[in-house]
Amino acid sequence: MIGFLVAGLVIGALARLIMPGKQNLSILATLGLGLVGSLIGGTIAWMLGTGSIWELNVLGFILAVVASVLLVGTAEAITGGSRRRAIR
């Protein structure tokens, strides 16, 4: 379980590094989005027949990072959109 949390944090951090600009997300939001992204990526890799969802494999890791990037972008669009002000 601790390994799963660490993997989620690493995947979430990689997703934030890949996204351009500064994201206004906390470490807990990064962890949560990384965990959800790793579950999504692992499930897609499992459906493609690469092994169990709980196994660490290259395709699952890549798909987890891609899913996390999409989740970080979505979360930033939802939360960051209300914080931005129009420049006049």
PDB file of N, CA and C in Angstrom:
ATOM      1  N   MET A   1       0.824  -1.193   0.000  1.00  0.00           N
ATOM      2  CA  MET A   1       0.000   0.000   0.000  1.00  0.00           C
ATOM      3  C   MET A   1       0.869   1.257   0.000  1.00  0.00           C
ATOM      4  N   ILE A   2       1.963   1.249   0.750  1.00  0.00           N
ATOM      5  CA  ILE A   2       2.849   2.418   0.787  1.00  0.00           C
ATOM      6  C   ILE A   2       3.501   2.612  -0.576  1.00  0.00           C
ATOM      7  N   GLY A   3       3.865   1.532  -1.228  1.00  0.00           N
ATOM      8  CA  GLY A   3       4.438   1.619  -2.570  1.00  0.00           C
ATOM      9  C   GLY A   3       3.455   2.214  -3.560  1.00  0.00           C
ATOM     10  N   PHE A   4       2.178   1.884  -3.414  1.00  0.00           N
ATOM     11  CA  PHE A   4       1.148   2.434  -4.280  1.00  0.00           C
ATOM     12  C   PHE A   4       1.022   3.944  -4.067  1.00  0.00           C
ATOM     13  N   LEU A   5       1.102   4.394  -2.813  1.00  0.00           N
ATOM     14  CA  LEU A   5       1.040   5.830  -2.517  1.00  0.00           C
ATOM     15  C   LEU A   5       2.260   6.565  -3.070  1.00  0.00           C
ATOM     16  N   VAL A   6       3.431   5.958  -2.917  1.00  0.00           N
ATOM     17  CA  VAL A   6       4.659   6.583  -3.434  1.00  0.00           C
ATOM     18  C   VAL A   6       4.597   6.657  -4.968  1.00  0.00           C
ATOM     19  N   ALA A   7       4.126   5.588  -5.609  1.00  0.00           N
ATOM     20  CA  ALA A   7       4.005   5.597  -7.064  1.00  0.00           C
ATOM     21  C   ALA A   7       3.014   6.667  -7.518  1.00  0.00           C
ATOM     22  N   GLY A   8       1.917   6.826  -6.796  1.00  0.00           N
ATOM     23  CA  GLY A   8       0.942   7.867  -7.131  1.00  0.00           C
ATOM     24  C   GLY A   8       1.521   9.257  -6.989  1.00  0.00           C
ATOM     25  N   LEU A   9       2.332   9.452  -5.961  1.00  0.00           N
ATOM     26  CA  LEU A   9       2.964  10.758  -5.762  1.00  0.00           C
ATOM     27  C   LEU A   9       3.976  11.043  -6.875  1.00  0.00           C
ATOM     28  N   VAL A  10       4.755  10.030  -7.248  1.00  0.00           N
ATOM     29  CA  VAL A  10       5.741  10.203  -8.319  1.00  0.00           C
ATOM     30  C   VAL A  10       5.034  10.480  -9.645  1.00  0.00           C
ATOM     31  N   ILE A  11       3.991   9.740  -9.942  1.00  0.00           N
ATOM     32  CA  ILE A  11       3.252   9.930 -11.192  1.00  0.00           C
ATOM     33  C   ILE A  11       2.578  11.300 -11.212  1.00  0.00           C
ATOM     34  N   GLY A  12       2.007  11.711 -10.088  1.00  0.00           N
ATOM     35  CA  GLY A  12       1.401  13.050 -10.009  1.00  0.00           C
ATOM     36  C   GLY A  12       2.433  14.153 -10.182  1.00  0.00           C
ATOM     37  N   ALA A  13       3.612  13.974  -9.585  1.00  0.00           N
ATOM     38  CA  ALA A  13       4.682  14.970  -9.729  1.00  0.00           C
ATOM     39  C   ALA A  13       5.171  15.039 -11.173  1.00  0.00           C
ATOM     40  N   LEU A  14       5.309  13.891 -11.831  1.00  0.00           N
ATOM     41  CA  LEU A  14       5.710  13.886 -13.240  1.00  0.00           C
ATOM     42  C   LEU A  14       4.658  14.578 -14.105  1.00  0.00           C
ATOM     43  N   ALA A  15       3.400  14.338 -13.787  1.00  0.00           N
ATOM     44  CA  ALA A  15       2.331  14.987 -14.553  1.00  0.00           C
ATOM     45  C   ALA A  15       2.388  16.502 -14.393  1.00  0.00           C
ATOM     46  N   ARG A  16       2.679  16.976 -13.182  1.00  0.00           N
ATOM     47  CA  ARG A  16       2.785  18.422 -12.971  1.00  0.00           C
ATOM     48  C   ARG A  16       4.014  18.990 -13.661  1.00  0.00           C
ATOM     49  N   LEU A  17       5.093  18.227 -13.745  1.00  0.00           N
ATOM     50  CA  LEU A  17       6.288  18.689 -14.457  1.00  0.00           C
ATOM     51  C   LEU A  17       6.050  18.778 -15.964  1.00  0.00           C
ATOM     52  N   ILE A  18       5.257  17.865 -16.488  1.00  0.00           N
ATOM     53  CA  ILE A  18       4.979  17.851 -17.921  1.00  0.00           C
ATOM     54  C   ILE A  18       4.049  18.996 -18.312  1.00  0.00           C
ATOM     55  N   MET A  19       3.102  19.317 -17.449  1.00  0.00           N
ATOM     56  CA  MET A  19       2.155  20.403 -17.747  1.00  0.00           C
ATOM     57  C   MET A  19       2.887  21.740 -17.749  1.00  0.00           C
ATOM     58  N   PRO A  20       2.644  22.565 -18.764  1.00  0.00           N
ATOM     59  CA  PRO A  20       3.296  23.881 -18.779  1.00  0.00           C
ATOM     60  C   PRO A  20       2.664  24.823 -17.764  1.00  0.00           C
ATOM     61  N   GLY A  21       3.455  25.757 -17.266  1.00  0.00           N
ATOM     62  CA  GLY A  21       2.947  26.752 -16.323  1.00  0.00           C
ATOM     63  C   GLY A  21       2.921  26.232 -14.904  1.00  0.00           C
ATOM     64  N   LYS A  22       2.465  27.100 -14.010  1.00  0.00           N
ATOM     65  CA  LYS A  22       2.385  26.759 -12.590  1.00  0.00           C
ATOM     66  C   LYS A  22       0.967  26.327 -12.258  1.00  0.00           C
ATOM     67  N   GLN A  23       0.858  25.191 -11.612  1.00  0.00           N
ATOM     68  CA  GLN A  23      -0.445  24.703 -11.192  1.00  0.00           C
ATOM     69  C   GLN A  23      -0.676  25.060  -9.731  1.00  0.00           C
ATOM     70  N   ASN A  24      -1.889  25.426  -9.406  1.00  0.00           N
ATOM     71  CA  ASN A  24      -2.256  25.756  -8.024  1.00  0.00           C
ATOM     72  C   ASN A  24      -2.871  24.535  -7.354  1.00  0.00           C
ATOM     73  N   LEU A  25      -2.082  23.476  -7.237  1.00  0.00           N
ATOM     74  CA  LEU A  25      -2.557  22.242  -6.612  1.00  0.00           C
ATOM     75  C   LEU A  25      -1.694  21.920  -5.401  1.00  0.00           C
ATOM     76  N   SER A  26      -2.326  21.428  -4.360  1.00  0.00           N
ATOM     77  CA  SER A  26      -1.590  21.046  -3.153  1.00  0.00           C
ATOM     78  C   SER A  26      -0.922  19.689  -3.363  1.00  0.00           C
ATOM     79  N   ILE A  27      -0.105  19.305  -2.398  1.00  0.00           N
ATOM     80  CA  ILE A  27       0.563  18.010  -2.463  1.00  0.00           C
ATOM     81  C   ILE A  27      -0.464  16.878  -2.358  1.00  0.00           C
ATOM     82  N   LEU A  28      -1.534  17.104  -1.587  1.00  0.00           N
ATOM     83  CA  LEU A  28      -2.578  16.082  -1.489  1.00  0.00           C
ATOM     84  C   LEU A  28      -3.353  15.948  -2.794  1.00  0.00           C
ATOM     85  N   ALA A  29      -3.585  17.069  -3.473  1.00  0.00           N
ATOM     86  CA  ALA A  29      -4.255  17.008  -4.771  1.00  0.00           C
ATOM     87  C   ALA A  29      -3.358  16.299  -5.785  1.00  0.00           C
ATOM     88  N   THR A  30      -2.060  16.575  -5.738  1.00  0.00           N
ATOM     89  CA  THR A  30      -1.116  15.902  -6.622  1.00  0.00           C
ATOM     90  C   THR A  30      -1.114  14.397  -6.362  1.00  0.00           C
ATOM     91  N   LEU A  31      -1.099  14.015  -5.091  1.00  0.00           N
ATOM     92  CA  LEU A  31      -1.134  12.604  -4.723  1.00  0.00           C
ATOM     93  C   LEU A  31      -2.422  11.954  -5.203  1.00  0.00           C
ATOM     94  N   GLY A  32      -3.542  12.605  -4.961  1.00  0.00           N
ATOM     95  CA  GLY A  32      -4.835  12.052  -5.372  1.00  0.00           C
ATOM     96  C   GLY A  32      -4.945  11.893  -6.876  1.00  0.00           C
ATOM     97  N   LEU A  33      -4.531  12.919  -7.618  1.00  0.00           N
ATOM     98  CA  LEU A  33      -4.597  12.829  -9.079  1.00  0.00           C
ATOM     99  C   LEU A  33      -3.621  11.789  -9.613  1.00  0.00           C
ATOM    100  N   GLY A  34      -2.466  11.653  -8.968  1.00  0.00           N
ATOM    101  CA  GLY A  34      -1.514  10.621  -9.360  1.00  0.00           C
ATOM    102  C   GLY A  34      -2.052   9.224  -9.102  1.00  0.00           C
ATOM    103  N   LEU A  35      -2.728   9.043  -7.978  1.00  0.00           N
ATOM    104  CA  LEU A  35      -3.317   7.735  -7.665  1.00  0.00           C
ATOM    105  C   LEU A  35      -4.427   7.375  -8.643  1.00  0.00           C
ATOM    106  N   VAL A  36      -5.297   8.346  -8.919  1.00  0.00           N
ATOM    107  CA  VAL A  36      -6.387   8.086  -9.861  1.00  0.00           C
ATOM    108  C   VAL A  36      -5.825   7.832 -11.254  1.00  0.00           C
ATOM    109  N   GLY A  37      -4.821   8.621 -11.645  1.00  0.00           N
ATOM    110  CA  GLY A  37      -4.187   8.409 -12.944  1.00  0.00           C
ATOM    111  C   GLY A  37      -3.521   7.052 -13.045  1.00  0.00           C
ATOM    112  N   SER A  38      -2.893   6.602 -11.963  1.00  0.00           N
ATOM    113  CA  SER A  38      -2.254   5.285 -11.989  1.00  0.00           C
ATOM    114  C   SER A  38      -3.291   4.168 -12.066  1.00  0.00           C
ATOM    115  N   LEU A  39      -4.422   4.352 -11.439  1.00  0.00           N
ATOM    116  CA  LEU A  39      -5.494   3.354 -11.558  1.00  0.00           C
ATOM    117  C   LEU A  39      -6.043   3.315 -12.983  1.00  0.00           C
ATOM    118  N   ILE A  40      -6.247   4.485 -13.574  1.00  0.00           N
ATOM    119  CA  ILE A  40      -6.749   4.543 -14.948  1.00  0.00           C
ATOM    120  C   ILE A  40      -5.731   3.933 -15.910  1.00  0.00           C
ATOM    121  N   GLY A  41      -4.469   4.334 -15.793  1.00  0.00           N
ATOM    122  CA  GLY A  41      -3.431   3.792 -16.666  1.00  0.00           C
ATOM    123  C   GLY A  41      -3.241   2.305 -16.486  1.00  0.00           C
ATOM    124  N   GLY A  42      -3.249   1.841 -15.240  1.00  0.00           N
ATOM    125  CA  GLY A  42      -3.120   0.414 -14.982  1.00  0.00           C
ATOM    126  C   GLY A  42      -4.282  -0.390 -15.528  1.00  0.00           C
ATOM    127  N   THR A  43      -5.482   0.170 -15.438  1.00  0.00           N
ATOM    128  CA  THR A  43      -6.661  -0.517 -15.966  1.00  0.00           C
ATOM    129  C   THR A  43      -6.600  -0.617 -17.486  1.00  0.00           C
ATOM    130  N   ILE A  44      -6.204   0.471 -18.137  1.00  0.00           N
ATOM    131  CA  ILE A  44      -6.098   0.440 -19.600  1.00  0.00           C
ATOM    132  C   ILE A  44      -5.013  -0.545 -20.028  1.00  0.00           C
ATOM    133  N   ALA A  45      -3.869  -0.547 -19.333  1.00  0.00           N
ATOM    134  CA  ALA A  45      -2.802  -1.496 -19.658  1.00  0.00           C
ATOM    135  C   ALA A  45      -3.263  -2.932 -19.425  1.00  0.00           C
ATOM    136  N   TRP A  46      -4.015  -3.161 -18.358  1.00  0.00           N
ATOM    137  CA  TRP A  46      -4.544  -4.497 -18.079  1.00  0.00           C
ATOM    138  C   TRP A  46      -5.503  -4.933 -19.183  1.00  0.00           C
ATOM    139  N   MET A  47      -6.339  -4.002 -19.657  1.00  0.00           N
ATOM    140  CA  MET A  47      -7.286  -4.323 -20.730  1.00  0.00           C
ATOM    141  C   MET A  47      -6.554  -4.631 -22.045  1.00  0.00           C
ATOM    142  N   LEU A  48      -5.360  -4.061 -22.209  1.00  0.00           N
ATOM    143  CA  LEU A  48      -4.556  -4.355 -23.393  1.00  0.00           C
ATOM    144  C   LEU A  48      -3.766  -5.652 -23.244  1.00  0.00           C
ATOM    145  N   GLY A  49      -3.832  -6.266 -22.065  1.00  0.00           N
ATOM    146  CA  GLY A  49      -3.214  -7.570 -21.854  1.00  0.00           C
ATOM    147  C   GLY A  49      -1.757  -7.543 -21.434  1.00  0.00           C
ATOM    148  N   THR A  50      -1.334  -6.487 -20.721  1.00  0.00           N
ATOM    149  CA  THR A  50       0.069  -6.420 -20.300  1.00  0.00           C
ATOM    150  C   THR A  50       0.308  -7.058 -18.945  1.00  0.00           C
ATOM    151  N   GLY A  51      -0.717  -7.473 -18.262  1.00  0.00           N
ATOM    152  CA  GLY A  51      -0.559  -8.078 -16.940  1.00  0.00           C
ATOM    153  C   GLY A  51      -1.571  -7.513 -15.968  1.00  0.00           C
ATOM    154  N   SER A  52      -1.361  -7.799 -14.712  1.00  0.00           N
ATOM    155  CA  SER A  52      -2.269  -7.340 -13.665  1.00  0.00           C
ATOM    156  C   SER A  52      -2.188  -5.828 -13.501  1.00  0.00           C
ATOM    157  N   ILE A  53      -3.274  -5.246 -13.028  1.00  0.00           N
ATOM    158  CA  ILE A  53      -3.317  -3.801 -12.792  1.00  0.00           C
ATOM    159  C   ILE A  53      -2.326  -3.397 -11.706  1.00  0.00           C
ATOM    160  N   TRP A  54      -1.987  -4.304 -10.801  1.00  0.00           N
ATOM    161  CA  TRP A  54      -1.109  -3.983  -9.678  1.00  0.00           C
ATOM    162  C   TRP A  54       0.368  -4.211  -9.986  1.00  0.00           C
ATOM    163  N   GLU A  55       0.667  -4.739 -11.173  1.00  0.00           N
ATOM    164  CA  GLU A  55       2.056  -4.954 -11.566  1.00  0.00           C
ATOM    165  C   GLU A  55       2.638  -3.671 -12.152  1.00  0.00           C
ATOM    166  N   LEU A  56       3.912  -3.453 -11.917  1.00  0.00           N
ATOM    167  CA  LEU A  56       4.588  -2.307 -12.500  1.00  0.00           C
ATOM    168  C   LEU A  56       5.134  -2.706 -13.862  1.00  0.00           C
ATOM    169  N   ASN A  57       4.636  -2.069 -14.919  1.00  0.00           N
ATOM    170  CA  ASN A  57       5.148  -2.310 -16.257  1.00  0.00           C
ATOM    171  C   ASN A  57       5.255  -0.976 -16.989  1.00  0.00           C
ATOM    172  N   VAL A  58       6.001  -0.977 -18.059  1.00  0.00           N
ATOM    173  CA  VAL A  58       6.313   0.269 -18.758  1.00  0.00           C
ATOM    174  C   VAL A  58       5.065   0.892 -19.366  1.00  0.00           C
ATOM    175  N   LEU A  59       4.257   0.100 -20.044  1.00  0.00           N
ATOM    176  CA  LEU A  59       3.059   0.643 -20.679  1.00  0.00           C
ATOM    177  C   LEU A  59       2.092   1.196 -19.641  1.00  0.00           C
ATOM    178  N   GLY A  60       1.915   0.482 -18.542  1.00  0.00           N
ATOM    179  CA  GLY A  60       1.041   0.964 -17.475  1.00  0.00           C
ATOM    180  C   GLY A  60       1.540   2.265 -16.880  1.00  0.00           C
ATOM    181  N   PHE A  61       2.850   2.387 -16.716  1.00  0.00           N
ATOM    182  CA  PHE A  61       3.433   3.613 -16.166  1.00  0.00           C
ATOM    183  C   PHE A  61       3.221   4.784 -17.123  1.00  0.00           C
ATOM    184  N   ILE A  62       3.469   4.563 -18.411  1.00  0.00           N
ATOM    185  CA  ILE A  62       3.289   5.626 -19.400  1.00  0.00           C
ATOM    186  C   ILE A  62       1.829   6.050 -19.465  1.00  0.00           C
ATOM    187  N   LEU A  63       0.929   5.090 -19.489  1.00  0.00           N
ATOM    188  CA  LEU A  63      -0.498   5.419 -19.524  1.00  0.00           C
ATOM    189  C   LEU A  63      -0.944   6.118 -18.245  1.00  0.00           C
ATOM    190  N   ALA A  64      -0.359   5.750 -17.110  1.00  0.00           N
ATOM    191  CA  ALA A  64      -0.688   6.412 -15.849  1.00  0.00           C
ATOM    192  C   ALA A  64      -0.246   7.865 -15.864  1.00  0.00           C
ATOM    193  N   VAL A  65       0.933   8.134 -16.405  1.00  0.00           N
ATOM    194  CA  VAL A  65       1.408   9.521 -16.489  1.00  0.00           C
ATOM    195  C   VAL A  65       0.528  10.325 -17.439  1.00  0.00           C
ATOM    196  N   VAL A  66       0.159   9.737 -18.581  1.00  0.00           N
ATOM    197  CA  VAL A  66      -0.711  10.437 -19.532  1.00  0.00           C
ATOM    198  C   VAL A  66      -2.073  10.736 -18.893  1.00  0.00           C
ATOM    199  N   ALA A  67      -2.640   9.753 -18.209  1.00  0.00           N
ATOM    200  CA  ALA A  67      -3.928   9.968 -17.547  1.00  0.00           C
ATOM    201  C   ALA A  67      -3.805  11.033 -16.462  1.00  0.00           C
ATOM    202  N   SER A  68      -2.699  11.038 -15.728  1.00  0.00           N
ATOM    203  CA  SER A  68      -2.498  12.043 -14.685  1.00  0.00           C
ATOM    204  C   SER A  68      -2.321  13.439 -15.272  1.00  0.00           C
ATOM    205  N   VAL A  69      -1.641  13.549 -16.411  1.00  0.00           N
ATOM    206  CA  VAL A  69      -1.499  14.848 -17.071  1.00  0.00           C
ATOM    207  C   VAL A  69      -2.877  15.382 -17.460  1.00  0.00           C
ATOM    208  N   LEU A  70      -3.705  14.515 -18.000  1.00  0.00           N
ATOM    209  CA  LEU A  70      -5.056  14.931 -18.361  1.00  0.00           C
ATOM    210  C   LEU A  70      -5.867  15.330 -17.133  1.00  0.00           C
ATOM    211  N   LEU A  71      -5.696  14.595 -16.032  1.00  0.00           N
ATOM    212  CA  LEU A  71      -6.414  14.926 -14.802  1.00  0.00           C
ATOM    213  C   LEU A  71      -5.927  16.240 -14.197  1.00  0.00           C
ATOM    214  N   VAL A  72      -4.612  16.470 -14.222  1.00  0.00           N
ATOM    215  CA  VAL A  72      -4.068  17.731 -13.706  1.00  0.00           C
ATOM    216  C   VAL A  72      -4.579  18.896 -14.551  1.00  0.00           C
ATOM    217  N   GLY A  73      -4.594  18.722 -15.866  1.00  0.00           N
ATOM    218  CA  GLY A  73      -5.116  19.765 -16.748  1.00  0.00           C
ATOM    219  C   GLY A  73      -6.582  20.048 -16.490  1.00  0.00           C
ATOM    220  N   THR A  74      -7.356  18.995 -16.276  1.00  0.00           N
ATOM    221  CA  THR A  74      -8.776  19.162 -15.985  1.00  0.00           C
ATOM    222  C   THR A  74      -8.983  19.842 -14.635  1.00  0.00           C
ATOM    223  N   ALA A  75      -8.233  19.417 -13.630  1.00  0.00           N
ATOM    224  CA  ALA A  75      -8.358  20.023 -12.298  1.00  0.00           C
ATOM    225  C   ALA A  75      -7.939  21.484 -12.329  1.00  0.00           C
ATOM    226  N   GLU A  76      -6.909  21.795 -13.074  1.00  0.00           N
ATOM    227  CA  GLU A  76      -6.450  23.180 -13.179  1.00  0.00           C
ATOM    228  C   GLU A  76      -7.472  24.035 -13.912  1.00  0.00           C
ATOM    229  N   ALA A  77      -8.099  23.466 -14.928  1.00  0.00           N
ATOM    230  CA  ALA A  77      -9.119  24.211 -15.660  1.00  0.00           C
ATOM    231  C   ALA A  77     -10.335  24.481 -14.780  1.00  0.00           C
ATOM    232  N   ILE A  78     -10.669  23.521 -13.924  1.00  0.00           N
ATOM    233  CA  ILE A  78     -11.834  23.693 -13.059  1.00  0.00           C
ATOM    234  C   ILE A  78     -11.537  24.658 -11.917  1.00  0.00           C
ATOM    235  N   THR A  79     -10.425  24.462 -11.229  1.00  0.00           N
ATOM    236  CA  THR A  79     -10.122  25.305 -10.063  1.00  0.00           C
ATOM    237  C   THR A  79      -9.426  26.597 -10.427  1.00  0.00           C
ATOM    238  N   GLY A  80      -8.577  26.567 -11.433  1.00  0.00           N
ATOM    239  CA  GLY A  80      -7.820  27.760 -11.796  1.00  0.00           C
ATOM    240  C   GLY A  80      -8.635  28.777 -12.551  1.00  0.00           C
ATOM    241  N   GLY A  81      -9.691  28.336 -13.219  1.00  0.00           N
ATOM    242  CA  GLY A  81     -10.504  29.257 -13.997  1.00  0.00           C
ATOM    243  C   GLY A  81     -11.236  30.272 -13.137  1.00  0.00           C
ATOM    244  N   SER A  82     -11.598  29.889 -11.918  1.00  0.00           N
ATOM    245  CA  SER A  82     -12.331  30.817 -11.059  1.00  0.00           C
ATOM    246  C   SER A  82     -11.401  31.799 -10.367  1.00  0.00           C
ATOM    247  N   ARG A  83     -10.090  31.534 -10.343  1.00  0.00           N
ATOM    248  CA  ARG A  83      -9.134  32.399  -9.657  1.00  0.00           C
ATOM    249  C   ARG A  83      -8.521  33.449 -10.571  1.00  0.00           C
ATOM    250  N   ARG A  84      -8.656  33.273 -11.856  1.00  0.00           N
ATOM    251  CA  ARG A  84      -8.035  34.211 -12.793  1.00  0.00           C
ATOM    252  C   ARG A  84      -8.915  35.445 -12.959  1.00  0.00           C
ATOM    253  N   ARG A  85      -8.273  36.584 -13.086  1.00  0.00           N
ATOM    254  CA  ARG A  85      -9.000  37.826 -13.326  1.00  0.00           C
ATOM    255  C   ARG A  85      -8.693  38.327 -14.721  1.00  0.00           C
ATOM    256  N   ALA A  86      -9.658  38.982 -15.271  1.00  0.00           N
ATOM    257  CA  ALA A  86      -9.445  39.575 -16.592  1.00  0.00           C
ATOM    258  C   ALA A  86      -8.571  40.817 -16.471  1.00  0.00           C
ATOM    259  N   ILE A  87      -7.648  40.959 -17.391  1.00  0.00           N
ATOM    260  CA  ILE A  87      -6.759  42.119 -17.392  1.00  0.00           C
ATOM    261  C   ILE A  87      -7.409  43.222 -18.211  1.00  0.00           C
ATOM    262  N   ARG A  88      -7.500  44.403 -17.616  1.00  0.00           N
ATOM    263  CA  ARG A  88      -8.147  45.517 -18.313  1.00  0.00           C
ATOM    264  C   ARG A  88      -7.186  46.603 -18.572  1.00  0.00           C
TER     265      ARG A  88
END
